[in-house]
Protein backbone atom coordinates (compact mmCIF):
# COMPACT_ATOMS: atom_id res chain seq x y z
CA UNK A 1 0.00 0.00 0.00
CA UNK A 2 1.56 3.30 -1.08
CA UNK A 3 1.69 6.25 1.28
CA UNK A 4 1.70 10.01 0.82
CA UNK A 5 2.54 12.21 3.80
CA UNK A 6 1.96 9.30 6.17
CA UNK A 7 -1.57 8.59 4.91
CA UNK A 8 -2.27 5.42 2.97
CA UNK A 9 -4.11 5.62 -0.33
CA UNK A 10 -6.86 3.48 1.21
CA UNK A 11 -7.29 6.01 4.05
CA UNK A 12 -7.41 8.86 1.53
CA UNK A 13 -10.03 7.00 -0.47
CA UNK A 14 -12.18 6.45 2.61
CA UNK A 15 -11.90 10.13 3.50
CA UNK A 16 -12.93 11.18 0.01
CA UNK A 17 -15.97 8.90 0.04
CA UNK A 18 -17.01 10.07 3.49
CA UNK A 19 -16.83 13.71 2.46
CA UNK A 20 -18.76 13.16 -0.76
CA UNK A 21 -15.84 14.14 -2.96
CA UNK A 22 -15.65 10.84 -4.85
CA UNK A 23 -18.25 11.22 -7.56
CA UNK A 24 -17.63 8.22 -9.75
CA UNK A 25 -15.26 5.26 -9.93
CA UNK A 26 -14.44 3.27 -13.06
CA UNK A 27 -16.61 3.21 -16.11
CA UNK A 28 -15.70 3.55 -19.72
CA UNK A 29 -15.83 6.42 -22.13
CA UNK A 30 -19.10 8.28 -21.70
CA UNK A 31 -20.08 6.55 -18.44
CA UNK A 32 -22.58 8.49 -16.37
CA UNK A 33 -22.95 8.99 -12.62
CA UNK A 34 -26.61 9.33 -11.69
CA UNK A 35 -26.08 10.73 -8.19
CA UNK A 36 -26.69 14.39 -7.51
CA UNK A 37 -23.49 16.42 -7.52
CA UNK A 38 -22.13 19.78 -8.50
CA UNK A 39 -20.37 18.14 -11.45
CA UNK A 40 -22.22 17.83 -14.75
CA UNK A 41 -23.69 14.37 -15.39
CA UNK A 42 -21.66 13.75 -18.55
CA UNK A 43 -17.91 13.72 -17.91
CA UNK A 44 -17.15 15.59 -21.14
CA UNK A 45 -20.09 18.01 -21.23
CA UNK A 46 -18.22 20.91 -19.67
CA UNK A 47 -14.84 22.45 -20.31
CA UNK A 48 -12.15 21.56 -17.78
CA UNK A 49 -12.02 25.15 -16.59
CA UNK A 50 -13.78 28.31 -17.67
CA UNK A 51 -11.49 30.65 -19.56
CA UNK A 52 -12.39 34.19 -18.60
CA UNK A 53 -9.70 35.43 -20.96
CA UNK A 54 -11.98 34.84 -23.96
CA UNK A 55 -14.69 37.47 -24.38
CA UNK A 56 -17.77 36.88 -26.48
CA UNK A 57 -19.21 40.00 -28.15
CA UNK A 58 -21.72 42.33 -26.51
CA UNK A 59 -21.38 40.66 -23.14
CA UNK A 60 -22.61 37.29 -24.35
CA UNK A 61 -21.56 34.30 -22.26
CA UNK A 62 -21.66 31.51 -24.85
CA UNK A 63 -22.21 30.83 -28.54
CA UNK A 64 -24.49 28.33 -30.29
CA UNK A 65 -24.57 27.24 -33.93
CA UNK A 66 -27.37 25.21 -35.52
CA UNK A 67 -26.05 23.06 -38.36
CA UNK A 68 -27.70 20.53 -40.65
CA UNK A 69 -26.24 18.05 -43.14
CA UNK A 70 -27.00 16.61 -46.59
CA UNK A 71 -29.32 19.31 -48.06
CA UNK A 72 -32.35 17.20 -47.19
CA UNK A 73 -35.70 18.46 -48.53
CA UNK A 74 -37.16 18.96 -45.04
CA UNK A 75 -34.42 21.48 -44.31
CA UNK A 76 -35.38 23.60 -47.30
CA UNK A 77 -39.14 23.22 -46.90
CA UNK A 78 -39.52 23.24 -43.10
CA UNK A 79 -36.29 24.17 -41.35
CA UNK A 80 -35.32 27.32 -43.19
CA UNK A 81 -38.78 28.96 -42.91
CA UNK A 82 -38.77 28.09 -39.19
CA UNK A 83 -35.38 29.70 -38.62
CA UNK A 84 -36.42 32.71 -40.69
CA UNK A 85 -39.50 33.12 -38.50
CA UNK A 86 -37.25 33.49 -35.45
CA UNK A 87 -34.56 35.49 -37.22
CA UNK A 88 -31.97 32.77 -36.52
CA UNK A 89 -29.23 32.00 -39.04
CA UNK A 90 -28.22 28.38 -39.56
CA UNK A 91 -25.42 26.55 -41.34
CA UNK A 92 -26.34 23.94 -43.94
CA UNK A 93 -23.62 21.55 -45.08
CA UNK A 94 -24.76 20.40 -48.49
CA UNK A 95 -23.84 17.72 -50.99
CA UNK A 96 -24.31 18.91 -54.59
CA UNK A 97 -26.67 16.12 -55.69
CA UNK A 98 -29.49 16.69 -53.17
CA UNK A 99 -28.97 20.46 -53.44
CA UNK A 100 -30.53 20.47 -56.91
CA UNK A 101 -33.88 19.12 -55.65
CA UNK A 102 -35.01 22.43 -54.15
CA UNK A 103 -32.50 24.84 -55.64
CA UNK A 104 -34.75 27.96 -55.50
CA UNK A 105 -35.31 27.39 -51.77
CA UNK A 106 -31.57 27.08 -51.17
CA UNK A 107 -30.92 30.27 -53.09
CA UNK A 108 -33.48 32.02 -50.92
CA UNK A 109 -31.86 30.59 -47.78
CA UNK A 110 -28.56 32.10 -48.84
CA UNK A 111 -30.23 35.43 -49.56
CA UNK A 112 -31.80 35.33 -46.08
CA UNK A 113 -28.39 35.08 -44.41
CA UNK A 114 -28.01 31.34 -43.84
CA UNK A 115 -24.64 29.74 -44.49
CA UNK A 116 -24.01 27.05 -47.10
CA UNK A 117 -21.11 24.74 -46.28
CA UNK A 118 -19.43 21.82 -48.06
CA UNK A 119 -20.35 18.23 -47.14
CA UNK A 120 -18.32 16.52 -49.92
CA UNK A 121 -19.36 15.34 -53.36
CA UNK A 122 -20.23 11.69 -52.64
CA UNK A 123 -20.50 11.57 -48.81
CA UNK A 124 -17.72 8.98 -48.28
CA UNK A 125 -17.74 7.07 -44.99
CA UNK A 126 -16.21 3.88 -43.70
CA UNK A 127 -17.01 0.88 -45.88
CA UNK A 128 -18.27 -0.88 -42.77
CA UNK A 129 -21.51 0.96 -43.55
CA UNK A 130 -23.18 -0.95 -46.39
CA UNK A 131 -24.34 2.26 -48.07
CA UNK A 132 -20.75 3.50 -48.28
CA UNK A 133 -19.00 0.38 -49.58
CA UNK A 134 -18.57 1.88 -53.06
CA UNK A 135 -17.25 5.15 -51.58
CA UNK A 136 -15.32 3.81 -48.61
CA UNK A 137 -12.83 6.07 -46.88
CA UNK A 138 -10.58 3.04 -46.53
CA UNK A 139 -10.15 3.12 -50.32
CA UNK A 140 -9.57 6.89 -50.60
CA UNK A 141 -6.28 8.76 -50.84
CA UNK A 142 -5.60 12.32 -49.77
CA UNK A 143 -5.34 13.39 -53.41
CA UNK A 144 -8.69 11.79 -54.18
CA UNK A 145 -10.31 13.51 -51.20
CA UNK A 146 -8.88 16.87 -52.22
CA UNK A 147 -10.27 16.47 -55.74
CA UNK A 148 -13.68 15.58 -54.32
CA UNK A 149 -13.83 18.56 -51.97
CA UNK A 150 -12.70 20.96 -54.68
CA UNK A 151 -15.29 19.59 -57.10
CA UNK A 152 -18.02 19.92 -54.48
CA UNK A 153 -16.99 23.54 -53.94
CA UNK A 154 -17.09 24.14 -57.68
CA UNK A 155 -20.57 22.66 -58.12
CA UNK A 156 -21.98 24.50 -55.10
CA UNK A 157 -20.52 27.79 -56.28
CA UNK A 158 -21.90 27.22 -59.77
CA UNK A 159 -25.39 26.54 -58.37
CA UNK A 160 -25.54 29.22 -55.65
CA UNK A 161 -22.88 31.76 -56.52
CA UNK A 162 -20.99 31.29 -53.26
CA UNK A 163 -17.92 29.21 -52.44
CA UNK A 164 -18.23 27.36 -49.11
CA UNK A 165 -15.76 28.34 -46.41
CA UNK A 166 -16.73 25.64 -43.90
CA UNK A 167 -16.98 21.85 -44.09
CA UNK A 168 -18.67 19.00 -42.21
CA UNK A 169 -16.99 15.58 -42.17
CA UNK A 170 -19.37 12.93 -43.58
CA UNK A 171 -20.23 10.50 -40.77
CA UNK A 172 -17.85 12.57 -38.63
CA UNK A 173 -14.94 10.45 -39.91
CA UNK A 174 -11.64 12.18 -40.64
CA UNK A 175 -9.39 9.56 -42.23
CA UNK A 176 -8.54 8.03 -45.59
CA UNK A 177 -6.83 4.69 -46.18
CA UNK A 178 -6.27 1.90 -43.70
CA UNK A 179 -3.65 0.43 -41.42
CA UNK A 180 -0.12 1.75 -41.94
CA UNK A 181 -1.34 3.78 -44.91
CA UNK A 182 -4.12 5.55 -43.02
CA UNK A 183 -3.95 9.35 -43.08
CA UNK A 184 -5.95 12.11 -41.45
CA UNK A 185 -7.55 14.56 -43.86
CA UNK A 186 -7.95 17.21 -41.15
CA UNK A 187 -4.87 19.07 -42.48
CA UNK A 188 -6.49 19.12 -45.93
CA UNK A 189 -9.67 20.61 -44.47
CA UNK A 190 -7.59 23.14 -42.52
CA UNK A 191 -5.94 24.22 -45.76
CA UNK A 192 -9.16 24.47 -47.78
CA UNK A 193 -11.70 25.76 -45.24
CA UNK A 194 -11.99 28.11 -42.28
CA UNK A 195 -13.65 25.39 -40.21
CA UNK A 196 -14.46 21.69 -40.21
CA UNK A 197 -17.25 20.24 -38.06
CA UNK A 198 -17.39 16.75 -36.57
CA UNK A 199 -20.38 14.61 -35.64
CA UNK A 200 -21.54 12.60 -32.61
CA UNK A 201 -19.03 14.39 -30.38
CA UNK A 202 -19.40 14.77 -26.62
CA UNK A 203 -18.69 18.37 -25.68
CA UNK A 204 -18.92 22.01 -26.64
CA UNK A 205 -15.87 23.84 -28.01
CA UNK A 206 -13.53 25.93 -25.87
CA UNK A 207 -13.13 29.08 -28.01
CA UNK A 208 -9.70 29.80 -26.56
CA UNK A 209 -8.38 26.32 -27.37
CA UNK A 210 -10.43 24.50 -30.02
CA UNK A 211 -9.08 23.49 -33.42
CA UNK A 212 -11.32 25.15 -36.04
CA UNK A 213 -10.47 22.34 -38.48
CA UNK A 214 -12.20 19.80 -36.26
CA UNK A 215 -14.89 21.52 -34.25
CA UNK A 216 -16.92 19.26 -32.02
CA UNK A 217 -20.49 18.78 -33.25
CA UNK A 218 -23.18 17.37 -30.95
CA UNK A 219 -26.21 15.48 -32.24
CA UNK A 220 -29.54 17.31 -32.17
CA UNK A 221 -31.68 14.65 -33.85
CA UNK A 222 -34.33 12.92 -31.75
CA UNK A 223 -34.01 15.14 -28.67
CA UNK A 224 -36.71 16.95 -26.76
CA UNK A 225 -35.78 20.42 -25.56
CA UNK A 226 -34.60 19.41 -22.09
CA UNK A 227 -31.48 17.67 -23.40
CA UNK A 228 -30.16 20.54 -25.56
CA UNK A 229 -31.17 23.03 -22.88
CA UNK A 230 -28.81 21.33 -20.42
CA UNK A 231 -26.03 21.46 -23.01
CA UNK A 232 -26.70 25.15 -23.67
CA UNK A 233 -26.72 25.96 -19.95
CA UNK A 234 -23.42 24.11 -19.55
CA UNK A 235 -21.96 26.10 -22.45
CA UNK A 236 -23.07 29.34 -20.80
CA UNK A 237 -21.51 28.28 -17.50
CA UNK A 238 -18.21 27.53 -19.23
CA UNK A 239 -18.11 30.25 -21.90
CA UNK A 240 -18.17 27.60 -24.64
CA UNK A 241 -19.26 27.39 -28.27
CA UNK A 242 -21.88 24.68 -28.70
CA UNK A 243 -22.34 23.37 -32.24
CA UNK A 244 -25.48 21.30 -32.80
CA UNK A 245 -25.73 18.96 -35.80
CA UNK A 246 -28.91 17.52 -37.29
CA UNK A 247 -30.40 16.09 -40.46
CA UNK A 248 -34.13 15.96 -41.20
CA UNK A 249 -36.39 18.57 -39.60
CA UNK A 250 -39.89 17.40 -38.73
CA UNK A 251 -42.28 16.02 -36.12
CA UNK A 252 -40.16 12.93 -35.48
CA UNK A 253 -38.48 9.93 -37.05
CA UNK A 254 -35.02 8.63 -37.80
CA UNK A 255 -32.27 11.26 -37.93
CA UNK A 256 -34.82 14.01 -37.39
CA UNK A 257 -34.49 17.21 -35.39
CA UNK A 258 -37.88 17.86 -33.86
CA UNK A 259 -39.66 21.05 -34.85
CA UNK A 260 -40.73 21.79 -31.28
CA UNK A 261 -37.15 21.36 -30.05
CA UNK A 262 -35.77 23.64 -32.74
CA UNK A 263 -38.35 26.31 -31.95
CA UNK A 264 -37.60 26.07 -28.24
CA UNK A 265 -33.85 26.46 -28.85
CA UNK A 266 -34.46 29.56 -30.96
CA UNK A 267 -36.64 31.14 -28.28
CA UNK A 268 -34.25 30.22 -25.47
CA UNK A 269 -31.17 31.49 -27.28
CA UNK A 270 -32.85 34.79 -28.12
CA UNK A 271 -33.84 35.54 -24.53
CA UNK A 272 -31.32 38.26 -23.55
CA UNK A 273 -31.29 36.97 -19.97
CA UNK A 274 -29.49 33.81 -21.12
CA UNK A 275 -26.50 35.58 -22.69
CA UNK A 276 -26.33 33.42 -25.83
CA UNK A 277 -24.97 34.38 -29.23
CA UNK A 278 -26.60 32.17 -31.88
CA UNK A 279 -25.14 32.41 -35.37
CA UNK A 280 -23.55 30.52 -38.25
CA UNK A 281 -20.33 28.53 -38.01
CA UNK A 282 -18.60 30.92 -40.41
CA UNK A 283 -19.53 34.03 -38.43
CA UNK A 284 -18.53 32.59 -35.07
CA UNK A 285 -15.31 30.91 -36.19
CA UNK A 286 -14.15 34.18 -37.73
CA UNK A 287 -14.80 35.96 -34.45
CA UNK A 288 -12.96 33.23 -32.53
CA UNK A 289 -9.94 33.43 -34.82
CA UNK A 290 -9.78 37.22 -34.68
CA UNK A 291 -10.30 37.43 -30.91
CA UNK A 292 -7.71 34.91 -29.86
């Protein structure tokens, strides 16, 4: 039994338990402690320490971005009018193919101040997903990925008259190749775009520390308002930038951000008492870069 200052580790452990300081023992990545404590329930939900050195504009205490992937029809037909109703600007990471389905609506979204980002040409993911076997990241090279991202930019610019400055990693996966030949394409995204957003991440972004080329993106699909509200409140407490990521926008269903949840987020973020800046990824990442 090891000792420190004459006290055994077992004695220290007993003291910690008795005083309520031991909040959780063991558990894997993402394990949760259901007891009441002053620590957030999810171990990664809050920044390690609030950085008071970073100042959000106009006295705001946190930032929130609403992002959606794939240029799905429900975004153009339901989501954009909803955001417009509340005066909230969103970021839509589009793939050129689906973009053509409701092109006039996407042009109007751009005119209304929403951001259009790049989500690749073919949406490559790991070939372990059956739908991606013919576009598997394991079979890609960095040169192939660069050609794809440049072509997606070209097609989007041709259709909408704007070249994307931000990118969302399809399936949140950031590699090409396999084994000893595997490479990260984060440096490629850093070279081509002002920001790259992940998917299915577990925390908000620390504006004083985060890597704009791989911003953490937290899933919004399928949640009622209470879950994102807790994440927003945690971001406010820690001065963070919370980036939500969703797909369909509707009453419910697979990969669907609920309309009532989206409306509640808009109302909550616009209440001046909450100190939240809600804006596009491009707008916020530019402020972050300039400020730090």
